[in-house]
Amino acid sequence: MRDNKQYLIVGLFVLITATVLISVWLWFSSHNRQVYNTYLAPFKEAVDGVTTNSVVKYNGVEVGKVKKIELDPHDPHSVLIYLDILERVSINKKAVASMKAQGVTGIFYISINVPSDAKSGDNIKPHNEVPYPVITTKESLLSGLTGQAQSIANNLGNLSSDMRELLNEKNIQHVSNILANLDEVSKELSKHSEDVGNSVKTVTKILSSIQKNSENLNVTFSKIQELTGTITETAVSTNGLISDVQSNTLQNINTVLLPNLNSTILHMNQSSYQLEQLLKMLNQNPAVLVRGKTTKPLGPGE
């Protein structure tokens, strides 16, 4: 009977201890429990190195983990990564997610960065319902380098193919002929190096003469400009003189010449009238030239 009481006491002690431990563990769990919001990040590249529970960093600070990874059923080139991000962290609408390597281990994490032109408070509204809010993604640095390396390799392949086509036997023969001709030309030039030197000196003298002539031409042009200015001034003075002469001439014609001309014309008219009377008288009595003009007889009472 006494042994049964001891077993009962031990059992109760174990039960109470276990209950206390479980209560303490639940209490700590409730205080350490984190609340997350789920976001979707669609990537247009392979996501090697990213797994479920991979770290998510926002501007370099760890804010969550990868919840799930799956292929996009509507796009074979796209991979859908679901991110659990702490509820207290707000994601800007211009935030961009990309994959980054964590050291040299080959393990990647999701990095979310905000550009400098993003406005504070312009954030994505989480709702934890399908469809989840989407975070924009961009190609990772490693993927970009791989693509560029592949492009460079393709270009090198094309270049080598073009070089092989360019350096065929026929073109090599043409290049050899060109080099041979250049060799002959250089030999001829070396033979006539003195003549070439004289030609260069002659050209130098010609250029010097051209320079001197250009300076003389500049002086001549300046003198021509001065002469043109003088001619212009003379033309202005001549125009003024002609205007004065014209004015004086017209005035003299009006005051002197025209009255004298009118008087002369009047005398000429009188002379022509008298000559006409004389001619009439001679026609009627030619003897007048010999006898003279007879006086008319006196009338009655004269």
Protein backbone atom coordinates (compact mmCIF):
# COMPACT_ATOMS: atom_id res chain seq x y z
CA MET A 1 0.00 0.00 0.00
CA ARG A 2 2.88 2.27 0.87
CA ASP A 3 4.56 1.60 -2.50
CA ASN A 4 1.39 2.57 -4.35
CA LYS A 5 1.34 5.94 -2.55
CA GLN A 6 4.94 6.58 -3.60
CA TYR A 7 4.14 5.77 -7.25
CA LEU A 8 1.14 8.10 -7.08
CA ILE A 9 3.24 10.93 -5.69
CA VAL A 10 5.93 10.44 -8.37
CA GLY A 11 3.30 10.34 -11.12
CA LEU A 12 1.63 13.49 -9.91
CA PHE A 13 5.02 15.22 -9.70
CA VAL A 14 5.90 14.22 -13.27
CA LEU A 15 2.47 15.28 -14.54
CA ILE A 16 2.65 18.66 -12.81
CA THR A 17 6.22 19.26 -14.05
CA ALA A 18 5.28 18.39 -17.61
CA THR A 19 2.26 20.69 -17.44
CA VAL A 20 4.40 23.55 -16.13
CA LEU A 21 7.03 23.00 -18.86
CA ILE A 22 4.41 22.87 -21.62
CA SER A 23 2.78 26.04 -20.29
CA VAL A 24 6.11 27.85 -20.21
CA TRP A 25 6.94 26.70 -23.76
CA LEU A 26 3.53 27.85 -25.08
CA TRP A 27 3.97 31.19 -23.31
CA PHE A 28 7.36 31.79 -24.92
CA SER A 29 6.07 30.60 -28.30
CA SER A 30 3.18 33.05 -28.19
CA HIS A 31 5.56 35.91 -27.46
CA ASN A 32 8.04 34.89 -30.18
CA ARG A 33 5.38 34.17 -32.79
CA GLN A 34 5.74 36.39 -35.89
CA VAL A 35 2.91 37.50 -38.22
CA TYR A 36 3.70 37.58 -41.98
CA ASN A 37 2.12 39.00 -45.15
CA THR A 38 2.43 37.03 -48.36
CA TYR A 39 3.67 38.62 -51.61
CA LEU A 40 4.27 37.19 -55.09
CA ALA A 41 7.54 37.73 -56.99
CA PRO A 42 7.49 36.35 -60.58
CA PHE A 43 11.01 35.73 -61.98
CA LYS A 44 11.81 35.38 -65.70
CA GLU A 45 14.92 33.27 -65.10
CA ALA A 46 16.09 30.09 -63.45
CA VAL A 47 16.02 30.28 -59.64
CA ASP A 48 18.85 27.85 -58.89
CA GLY A 49 20.10 28.31 -55.32
CA VAL A 50 16.79 29.61 -53.95
CA THR A 51 14.78 27.17 -51.85
CA THR A 52 11.87 27.23 -49.45
CA ASN A 53 12.82 29.14 -46.27
CA SER A 54 15.53 31.09 -48.13
CA VAL A 55 16.13 34.50 -46.60
CA VAL A 56 14.35 37.63 -47.86
CA LYS A 57 16.12 40.95 -47.27
CA TYR A 58 14.66 44.43 -47.66
CA ASN A 59 17.36 47.08 -48.26
CA GLY A 60 19.85 44.65 -46.70
CA VAL A 61 17.74 43.87 -43.60
CA GLU A 62 16.29 40.38 -43.14
CA VAL A 63 12.49 40.73 -43.15
CA GLY A 64 11.15 37.30 -44.07
CA LYS A 65 11.58 34.01 -45.89
CA VAL A 66 10.55 32.18 -49.06
CA LYS A 67 7.22 30.47 -48.50
CA LYS A 68 6.77 28.51 -51.73
CA ILE A 69 8.27 28.12 -55.22
CA GLU A 70 6.32 26.93 -58.26
CA LEU A 71 6.26 27.18 -62.04
CA ASP A 72 3.86 29.62 -63.69
CA PRO A 73 1.23 27.46 -65.46
CA HIS A 74 0.58 30.26 -67.97
CA ASP A 75 4.20 31.10 -68.81
CA PRO A 76 6.88 28.38 -69.13
CA HIS A 77 9.66 31.01 -68.77
CA SER A 78 8.35 32.33 -65.44
CA VAL A 79 8.88 31.02 -61.90
CA LEU A 80 6.55 32.14 -59.10
CA ILE A 81 8.14 32.70 -55.68
CA TYR A 82 5.85 33.44 -52.74
CA LEU A 83 7.44 35.55 -50.02
CA ASP A 84 6.43 35.74 -46.37
CA ILE A 85 7.38 39.22 -45.14
CA LEU A 86 6.89 40.51 -41.60
CA GLU A 87 3.62 42.30 -41.13
CA ARG A 88 5.29 45.41 -39.69
CA VAL A 89 7.37 45.89 -42.87
CA SER A 90 5.78 48.00 -45.62
CA ILE A 91 6.85 47.29 -49.22
CA ASN A 92 7.09 50.29 -51.53
CA LYS A 93 5.30 50.06 -54.90
CA LYS A 94 8.56 50.79 -56.75
CA ALA A 95 10.50 48.12 -54.84
CA VAL A 96 12.34 45.63 -57.07
CA ALA A 97 13.23 42.05 -56.08
CA SER A 98 16.21 40.12 -57.41
CA MET A 99 18.31 37.09 -56.53
CA LYS A 100 21.72 37.58 -54.91
CA ALA A 101 24.39 35.08 -53.97
CA GLN A 102 25.16 34.64 -50.29
CA GLY A 103 28.94 34.41 -50.22
CA VAL A 104 30.55 31.63 -52.30
CA THR A 105 28.31 28.83 -51.00
CA GLY A 106 26.05 28.83 -54.04
CA ILE A 107 23.06 29.70 -51.85
CA PHE A 108 20.92 32.63 -53.01
CA TYR A 109 18.55 34.90 -51.15
CA ILE A 110 15.86 37.30 -52.33
CA SER A 111 16.94 40.95 -52.13
CA ILE A 112 14.33 43.73 -52.30
CA ASN A 113 15.62 47.25 -52.95
CA VAL A 114 13.85 50.59 -53.26
CA PRO A 115 15.02 53.09 -55.94
CA SER A 116 15.97 56.62 -54.93
CA ASP A 117 12.98 58.19 -56.72
CA ALA A 118 10.42 56.18 -54.70
CA LYS A 119 7.97 58.25 -52.67
CA SER A 120 7.66 57.60 -48.96
CA GLY A 121 4.28 56.15 -47.98
CA ASP A 122 3.46 54.89 -51.47
CA ASN A 123 3.32 51.24 -50.38
CA ILE A 124 1.70 48.01 -51.56
CA LYS A 125 -1.43 47.06 -49.61
CA PRO A 126 -1.14 43.44 -48.38
CA HIS A 127 -4.30 41.29 -48.12
CA ASN A 128 -3.07 37.65 -47.75
CA GLU A 129 -5.58 36.43 -50.29
CA VAL A 130 -5.17 35.01 -53.79
CA PRO A 131 -4.13 36.74 -55.97
CA TYR A 132 -1.35 38.01 -53.72
CA PRO A 133 0.11 41.48 -54.25
CA VAL A 134 2.98 41.39 -56.78
CA ILE A 135 6.50 42.73 -56.26
CA THR A 136 8.34 43.73 -59.43
CA THR A 137 11.45 41.66 -60.22
CA LYS A 138 14.56 42.15 -62.31
CA GLU A 139 17.25 39.89 -63.71
CA SER A 140 19.98 38.93 -61.28
CA LEU A 141 23.56 40.03 -61.80
CA LEU A 142 24.76 36.47 -62.35
CA SER A 143 22.08 35.80 -64.95
CA GLY A 144 22.92 39.04 -66.72
CA LEU A 145 26.62 38.18 -66.77
CA THR A 146 25.82 34.70 -68.05
CA GLY A 147 23.69 36.16 -70.86
CA GLN A 148 26.39 38.66 -71.77
CA ALA A 149 29.04 35.94 -71.71
CA GLN A 150 26.90 33.82 -74.02
CA SER A 151 26.42 36.79 -76.34
CA ILE A 152 30.18 37.46 -76.33
CA ALA A 153 30.86 33.80 -77.08
CA ASN A 154 28.42 33.90 -79.99
CA ASN A 155 30.03 37.08 -81.31
CA LEU A 156 33.49 35.53 -81.02
CA GLY A 157 32.24 32.48 -82.91
CA ASN A 158 30.84 34.68 -85.65
CA LEU A 159 34.06 36.69 -85.71
CA SER A 160 36.22 33.59 -86.04
CA SER A 161 33.97 32.35 -88.85
CA ASP A 162 34.28 35.71 -90.62
CA MET A 163 38.05 35.66 -90.14
CA ARG A 164 38.26 32.20 -91.63
CA GLU A 165 36.21 33.35 -94.59
CA LEU A 166 38.30 36.50 -94.95
CA LEU A 167 41.66 34.73 -94.68
CA ASN A 168 41.04 32.22 -97.41
CA GLU A 169 43.76 31.28 -99.87
CA LYS A 170 42.65 33.79 -102.51
CA ASN A 171 42.58 36.75 -100.15
CA ILE A 172 45.91 35.76 -98.61
CA GLN A 173 47.41 35.78 -102.11
CA HIS A 174 45.97 39.28 -102.69
CA VAL A 175 47.48 40.48 -99.42
CA SER A 176 50.84 39.00 -100.40
CA ASN A 177 50.68 40.83 -103.74
CA ILE A 178 49.83 44.09 -102.00
CA LEU A 179 52.75 43.68 -99.60
CA ALA A 180 55.08 42.89 -102.51
CA ASN A 181 53.91 46.01 -104.36
CA LEU A 182 54.41 48.09 -101.23
CA ASP A 183 57.92 46.69 -100.93
CA GLU A 184 58.70 47.69 -104.53
CA VAL A 185 57.22 51.14 -103.99
CA SER A 186 59.33 51.64 -100.84
CA LYS A 187 62.44 50.58 -102.78
CA GLU A 188 61.68 53.05 -105.56
CA LEU A 189 61.08 55.78 -103.02
CA SER A 190 64.41 55.04 -101.35
CA LYS A 191 66.12 55.33 -104.74
CA HIS A 192 64.51 58.69 -105.42
CA SER A 193 64.69 59.96 -101.86
CA GLU A 194 66.72 62.98 -102.98
CA ASP A 195 64.12 63.91 -105.61
CA VAL A 196 61.39 63.48 -103.01
CA GLY A 197 63.29 65.78 -100.66
CA ASN A 198 63.66 68.39 -103.41
CA SER A 199 59.95 68.09 -104.19
CA VAL A 200 59.11 68.60 -100.54
CA LYS A 201 61.33 71.69 -100.45
CA THR A 202 59.68 73.00 -103.63
CA VAL A 203 56.24 72.43 -102.14
CA THR A 204 57.38 74.22 -98.98
CA LYS A 205 58.54 77.22 -101.05
CA ILE A 206 55.27 77.23 -102.96
CA LEU A 207 53.30 77.18 -99.72
CA SER A 208 55.47 80.01 -98.35
CA SER A 209 54.86 82.06 -101.52
CA ILE A 210 51.14 81.38 -101.27
CA GLN A 211 51.21 82.59 -97.68
CA LYS A 212 53.05 85.81 -98.67
CA ASN A 213 50.67 86.36 -101.59
CA SER A 214 47.72 85.85 -99.29
CA GLU A 215 49.13 88.52 -96.96
CA ASN A 216 49.57 90.88 -99.94
CA LEU A 217 46.05 90.09 -101.06
CA ASN A 218 44.79 90.98 -97.60
CA VAL A 219 46.58 94.34 -97.83
CA THR A 220 45.20 94.90 -101.34
CA PHE A 221 41.70 94.05 -100.20
CA SER A 222 41.99 96.55 -97.34
CA LYS A 223 43.16 99.26 -99.78
CA ILE A 224 40.32 98.39 -102.13
CA GLN A 225 37.91 98.79 -99.23
CA GLU A 226 39.41 102.22 -98.43
CA LEU A 227 39.19 103.20 -102.13
CA THR A 228 35.60 102.03 -102.23
CA GLY A 229 34.82 104.24 -99.25
CA THR A 230 36.47 107.21 -100.95
CA ILE A 231 34.57 106.56 -104.18
CA THR A 232 31.35 106.37 -102.20
CA GLU A 233 32.05 109.72 -100.56
CA THR A 234 32.96 111.24 -103.97
CA ALA A 235 29.76 109.86 -105.47
CA VAL A 236 27.77 111.48 -102.68
CA SER A 237 29.51 114.82 -103.28
CA THR A 238 29.00 114.49 -107.05
CA ASN A 239 25.32 113.80 -106.57
CA GLY A 240 25.03 116.96 -104.46
CA LEU A 241 26.89 119.01 -107.11
CA ILE A 242 24.71 117.66 -109.91
CA SER A 243 21.62 118.52 -107.87
CA ASP A 244 22.91 122.12 -107.38
CA VAL A 245 23.77 122.46 -111.09
CA GLN A 246 20.36 121.18 -112.11
CA SER A 247 18.66 123.57 -109.72
CA ASN A 248 20.70 126.62 -110.93
CA THR A 249 20.25 125.68 -114.59
CA LEU A 250 16.50 125.43 -114.26
CA GLN A 251 16.38 128.75 -112.42
CA ASN A 252 18.48 130.52 -115.16
CA ILE A 253 16.31 129.04 -117.88
CA ASN A 254 13.16 130.30 -116.22
CA THR A 255 14.46 133.82 -115.39
CA VAL A 256 16.77 134.69 -118.34
CA LEU A 257 16.52 132.37 -121.29
CA LEU A 258 12.75 132.03 -121.60
CA PRO A 259 11.97 135.85 -121.58
CA ASN A 260 14.70 136.53 -124.19
CA LEU A 261 13.48 133.62 -126.27
CA ASN A 262 9.92 134.97 -126.18
CA SER A 263 11.11 138.43 -127.26
CA THR A 264 13.16 136.97 -130.14
CA ILE A 265 10.22 134.91 -131.35
CA LEU A 266 8.00 138.06 -131.30
CA HIS A 267 10.54 140.02 -133.46
CA MET A 268 10.80 137.10 -135.84
CA ASN A 269 7.03 137.06 -136.20
CA GLN A 270 7.02 140.81 -137.02
CA SER A 271 9.88 140.42 -139.54
CA SER A 272 8.16 137.53 -141.27
CA TYR A 273 4.96 139.59 -141.49
CA GLN A 274 6.79 142.51 -143.06
CA LEU A 275 8.58 140.17 -145.49
CA GLU A 276 5.27 138.67 -146.44
CA GLN A 277 3.84 142.15 -147.14
CA LEU A 278 6.88 143.01 -149.26
CA LEU A 279 6.53 139.86 -151.30
CA LYS A 280 2.85 140.56 -151.92
CA MET A 281 3.67 144.10 -153.06
CA LEU A 282 6.37 142.85 -155.47
CA ASN A 283 4.00 140.33 -156.89
CA GLN A 284 1.43 143.04 -157.53
CA ASN A 285 3.85 145.70 -158.81
CA PRO A 286 7.40 144.57 -159.63
CA ALA A 287 8.32 148.08 -160.77
CA VAL A 288 8.42 149.16 -157.22
CA LEU A 289 12.00 147.90 -157.10
CA VAL A 290 12.93 150.47 -159.77
CA ARG A 291 10.51 153.38 -159.26
CA GLY A 292 9.86 153.00 -155.62
CA LYS A 293 6.58 153.08 -153.96
CA THR A 294 4.24 155.74 -155.42
CA THR A 295 2.20 157.83 -153.17
CA LYS A 296 -1.52 157.43 -153.38
CA PRO A 297 -3.36 160.37 -155.01
CA LEU A 298 -5.08 162.66 -152.70
CA GLY A 299 -8.79 162.15 -152.25
CA PRO A 300 -11.45 164.81 -152.43
CA GLY A 301 -10.97 167.52 -149.91
CA GLU A 302 -7.30 166.51 -149.17
